[in-house]
Amino acid sequence: MFEGSNYDRTAPLLDAHGWDAGFFQQHYRDAWVAEFAGSDTGATDLAMALAGLFLTVERGFGGRGVQVAHGCLARGHVPTFIT
C-alpha cells in the first residue's frame, strides 16, 4: 500500500497474529497520510486523515468507528459525535 514504508513491514505481522487488520490499518493509514502529506495530497485525503486521528485520539474510536465516520463525511453528513 505505502511502498517502502513501515506499513509494508508491519501489515503482514498484523495478519499473522490474527488482528482485524482492516480496522487497525485505518489508524495506520490516517497517520501515514497526515505524516507524509505534501503538495500532491488531496485536501479531502488530508481532512479525512486528520478527522480519523482526532476521533481515535480525542474520542477513543476504534478503526471501525473511524471508517463509519469517514463514510458519513464522504456522503456530506457531519455526524453529531464530531460536533
N, C-alpha and C. Protein backbone atom coordinates (compact mmCIF):
# COMPACT_ATOMS: atom_id res chain seq x y z
N MET A 1 0.81 -1.19 0.00
CA MET A 1 0.00 0.00 0.00
C MET A 1 0.85 1.26 0.00
N PHE A 2 1.73 1.38 0.97
CA PHE A 2 2.62 2.53 1.06
C PHE A 2 4.04 2.01 0.87
N GLU A 3 4.43 1.92 -0.35
CA GLU A 3 5.67 1.24 -0.73
C GLU A 3 6.88 1.73 0.06
N GLY A 4 7.62 0.78 0.60
CA GLY A 4 8.86 1.08 1.31
C GLY A 4 8.65 1.69 2.69
N SER A 5 7.45 1.63 3.20
CA SER A 5 7.18 2.25 4.49
C SER A 5 7.13 1.21 5.60
N ASN A 6 7.03 1.70 6.82
CA ASN A 6 6.85 0.79 7.95
C ASN A 6 5.56 0.00 7.82
N TYR A 7 4.58 0.59 7.16
CA TYR A 7 3.31 -0.09 6.94
C TYR A 7 3.53 -1.41 6.22
N ASP A 8 4.36 -1.38 5.18
CA ASP A 8 4.63 -2.60 4.41
C ASP A 8 5.30 -3.67 5.26
N ARG A 9 6.09 -3.24 6.22
CA ARG A 9 6.80 -4.20 7.06
C ARG A 9 5.92 -4.75 8.19
N THR A 10 4.96 -3.96 8.67
CA THR A 10 4.17 -4.40 9.81
C THR A 10 2.84 -5.05 9.44
N ALA A 11 2.27 -4.70 8.29
CA ALA A 11 0.96 -5.26 7.92
C ALA A 11 0.97 -6.79 7.91
N PRO A 12 1.99 -7.46 7.34
CA PRO A 12 1.99 -8.93 7.39
C PRO A 12 2.04 -9.48 8.81
N LEU A 13 2.69 -8.77 9.72
CA LEU A 13 2.75 -9.22 11.11
C LEU A 13 1.36 -9.16 11.75
N LEU A 14 0.62 -8.11 11.45
CA LEU A 14 -0.73 -7.99 11.99
C LEU A 14 -1.60 -9.13 11.50
N ASP A 15 -1.49 -9.44 10.21
CA ASP A 15 -2.28 -10.53 9.64
C ASP A 15 -1.90 -11.87 10.27
N ALA A 16 -0.61 -12.07 10.49
CA ALA A 16 -0.13 -13.34 11.05
C ALA A 16 -0.63 -13.57 12.47
N HIS A 17 -0.89 -12.49 13.20
CA HIS A 17 -1.31 -12.62 14.59
C HIS A 17 -2.82 -12.54 14.77
N GLY A 18 -3.54 -12.54 13.64
CA GLY A 18 -4.99 -12.60 13.73
C GLY A 18 -5.68 -11.29 14.05
N TRP A 19 -5.00 -10.18 13.94
CA TRP A 19 -5.64 -8.89 14.17
C TRP A 19 -6.68 -8.66 13.10
N ASP A 20 -7.69 -7.92 13.44
CA ASP A 20 -8.65 -7.48 12.43
C ASP A 20 -7.98 -6.33 11.70
N ALA A 21 -7.10 -6.71 10.79
CA ALA A 21 -6.18 -5.75 10.19
C ALA A 21 -6.88 -4.63 9.44
N GLY A 22 -8.03 -4.89 8.87
CA GLY A 22 -8.73 -3.83 8.13
C GLY A 22 -9.07 -2.65 9.01
N PHE A 23 -9.38 -2.91 10.27
CA PHE A 23 -9.74 -1.83 11.16
C PHE A 23 -8.50 -1.18 11.77
N PHE A 24 -7.53 -1.97 12.15
CA PHE A 24 -6.29 -1.41 12.69
C PHE A 24 -5.61 -0.57 11.62
N GLN A 25 -5.65 -1.05 10.40
CA GLN A 25 -4.96 -0.36 9.32
C GLN A 25 -5.60 0.99 9.01
N GLN A 26 -6.84 1.20 9.43
CA GLN A 26 -7.46 2.51 9.24
C GLN A 26 -6.66 3.56 10.01
N HIS A 27 -6.28 3.25 11.24
CA HIS A 27 -5.48 4.19 12.04
C HIS A 27 -4.11 4.40 11.38
N TYR A 28 -3.54 3.30 10.92
CA TYR A 28 -2.22 3.36 10.30
C TYR A 28 -2.25 4.24 9.05
N ARG A 29 -3.29 4.07 8.24
CA ARG A 29 -3.41 4.85 7.00
C ARG A 29 -3.59 6.33 7.32
N ASP A 30 -4.47 6.64 8.28
CA ASP A 30 -4.69 8.04 8.64
C ASP A 30 -3.41 8.69 9.13
N ALA A 31 -2.67 7.99 9.97
CA ALA A 31 -1.40 8.54 10.48
C ALA A 31 -0.40 8.73 9.35
N TRP A 32 -0.34 7.78 8.43
CA TRP A 32 0.61 7.87 7.33
C TRP A 32 0.28 9.06 6.43
N VAL A 33 -1.00 9.22 6.08
CA VAL A 33 -1.40 10.33 5.20
C VAL A 33 -1.09 11.66 5.87
N ALA A 34 -1.40 11.78 7.16
CA ALA A 34 -1.14 13.04 7.87
C ALA A 34 0.36 13.32 7.96
N GLU A 35 1.15 12.30 8.21
CA GLU A 35 2.60 12.50 8.36
C GLU A 35 3.28 12.87 7.05
N PHE A 36 2.87 12.24 5.97
CA PHE A 36 3.57 12.43 4.70
C PHE A 36 2.79 13.30 3.71
N ALA A 37 1.86 14.09 4.21
CA ALA A 37 1.08 14.98 3.33
C ALA A 37 2.02 15.99 2.67
N GLY A 38 1.77 16.22 1.40
CA GLY A 38 2.56 17.18 0.65
C GLY A 38 1.67 17.91 -0.34
N SER A 39 2.29 18.59 -1.25
CA SER A 39 1.53 19.38 -2.22
C SER A 39 0.69 18.49 -3.14
N ASP A 40 1.04 17.22 -3.24
CA ASP A 40 0.28 16.31 -4.10
C ASP A 40 -0.84 15.59 -3.35
N THR A 41 -0.97 15.84 -2.04
CA THR A 41 -2.02 15.22 -1.23
C THR A 41 -3.30 16.01 -1.40
N GLY A 42 -4.37 15.32 -1.71
CA GLY A 42 -5.66 15.98 -1.87
C GLY A 42 -6.18 16.51 -0.55
N ALA A 43 -6.90 17.61 -0.61
CA ALA A 43 -7.46 18.22 0.59
C ALA A 43 -8.41 17.26 1.31
N THR A 44 -9.19 16.50 0.54
CA THR A 44 -10.11 15.55 1.15
C THR A 44 -9.36 14.44 1.87
N ASP A 45 -8.29 13.93 1.26
CA ASP A 45 -7.49 12.89 1.91
C ASP A 45 -6.94 13.37 3.25
N LEU A 46 -6.40 14.57 3.25
CA LEU A 46 -5.82 15.11 4.48
C LEU A 46 -6.90 15.37 5.53
N ALA A 47 -8.03 15.92 5.11
CA ALA A 47 -9.11 16.20 6.06
C ALA A 47 -9.63 14.90 6.68
N MET A 48 -9.78 13.86 5.87
CA MET A 48 -10.25 12.58 6.39
C MET A 48 -9.23 11.98 7.36
N ALA A 49 -7.96 12.08 7.01
CA ALA A 49 -6.92 11.54 7.89
C ALA A 49 -6.91 12.26 9.23
N LEU A 50 -7.00 13.58 9.20
CA LEU A 50 -6.99 14.35 10.45
C LEU A 50 -8.25 14.09 11.27
N ALA A 51 -9.39 13.97 10.60
CA ALA A 51 -10.63 13.64 11.32
C ALA A 51 -10.52 12.25 11.96
N GLY A 52 -9.94 11.30 11.22
CA GLY A 52 -9.77 9.96 11.76
C GLY A 52 -8.85 9.94 12.97
N LEU A 53 -7.78 10.69 12.91
CA LEU A 53 -6.86 10.75 14.05
C LEU A 53 -7.51 11.45 15.25
N PHE A 54 -8.27 12.50 14.99
CA PHE A 54 -8.99 13.18 16.07
C PHE A 54 -9.94 12.21 16.77
N LEU A 55 -10.73 11.48 15.97
CA LEU A 55 -11.68 10.55 16.57
C LEU A 55 -10.99 9.45 17.35
N THR A 56 -9.84 9.01 16.87
CA THR A 56 -9.09 7.96 17.56
C THR A 56 -8.50 8.46 18.86
N VAL A 57 -7.79 9.58 18.79
CA VAL A 57 -7.03 10.08 19.95
C VAL A 57 -7.92 10.79 20.96
N GLU A 58 -8.78 11.68 20.49
CA GLU A 58 -9.58 12.50 21.39
C GLU A 58 -10.88 11.85 21.84
N ARG A 59 -11.45 11.03 20.96
CA ARG A 59 -12.76 10.44 21.27
C ARG A 59 -12.71 8.95 21.52
N GLY A 60 -11.55 8.31 21.34
CA GLY A 60 -11.40 6.90 21.65
C GLY A 60 -12.06 5.94 20.68
N PHE A 61 -12.25 6.35 19.44
CA PHE A 61 -12.89 5.50 18.45
C PHE A 61 -11.94 4.39 18.00
N GLY A 62 -12.50 3.24 17.70
CA GLY A 62 -11.74 2.16 17.09
C GLY A 62 -11.74 2.35 15.58
N GLY A 63 -11.03 1.48 14.89
CA GLY A 63 -10.93 1.59 13.43
C GLY A 63 -12.27 1.51 12.73
N ARG A 64 -13.16 0.65 13.19
CA ARG A 64 -14.47 0.53 12.56
C ARG A 64 -15.27 1.83 12.71
N GLY A 65 -15.22 2.42 13.90
CA GLY A 65 -15.92 3.68 14.14
C GLY A 65 -15.40 4.80 13.25
N VAL A 66 -14.09 4.82 13.06
CA VAL A 66 -13.48 5.82 12.18
C VAL A 66 -13.94 5.58 10.74
N GLN A 67 -14.01 4.33 10.31
CA GLN A 67 -14.46 4.04 8.96
C GLN A 67 -15.91 4.48 8.75
N VAL A 68 -16.76 4.29 9.74
CA VAL A 68 -18.14 4.73 9.65
C VAL A 68 -18.20 6.26 9.54
N ALA A 69 -17.40 6.94 10.36
CA ALA A 69 -17.35 8.40 10.31
C ALA A 69 -16.86 8.89 8.95
N HIS A 70 -15.85 8.24 8.41
CA HIS A 70 -15.36 8.60 7.07
C HIS A 70 -16.47 8.46 6.03
N GLY A 71 -17.24 7.39 6.14
CA GLY A 71 -18.36 7.19 5.21
C GLY A 71 -19.39 8.30 5.32
N CYS A 72 -19.71 8.70 6.54
CA CYS A 72 -20.67 9.80 6.75
C CYS A 72 -20.13 11.09 6.14
N LEU A 73 -18.88 11.39 6.41
CA LEU A 73 -18.27 12.61 5.88
C LEU A 73 -18.22 12.60 4.36
N ALA A 74 -17.94 11.44 3.79
CA ALA A 74 -17.86 11.33 2.33
C ALA A 74 -19.22 11.58 1.67
N ARG A 75 -20.28 11.26 2.39
CA ARG A 75 -21.62 11.49 1.86
C ARG A 75 -22.13 12.90 2.19
N GLY A 76 -21.29 13.70 2.84
CA GLY A 76 -21.66 15.08 3.14
C GLY A 76 -22.37 15.27 4.46
N HIS A 77 -22.41 14.24 5.29
CA HIS A 77 -23.05 14.34 6.60
C HIS A 77 -21.98 14.58 7.66
N VAL A 78 -22.27 15.44 8.59
CA VAL A 78 -21.38 15.63 9.73
C VAL A 78 -22.02 14.93 10.91
N PRO A 79 -21.45 13.81 11.33
CA PRO A 79 -22.03 13.07 12.46
C PRO A 79 -22.08 13.93 13.72
N THR A 80 -23.10 13.73 14.52
CA THR A 80 -23.27 14.56 15.72
C THR A 80 -22.14 14.35 16.73
N PHE A 81 -21.48 13.20 16.69
CA PHE A 81 -20.40 12.95 17.64
C PHE A 81 -19.14 13.74 17.32
N ILE A 82 -19.07 14.38 16.15
CA ILE A 82 -17.91 15.19 15.80
C ILE A 82 -18.10 16.62 16.29
N THR A 83 -19.32 17.11 16.29
CA THR A 83 -19.58 18.50 16.67
C THR A 83 -19.59 18.69 18.16
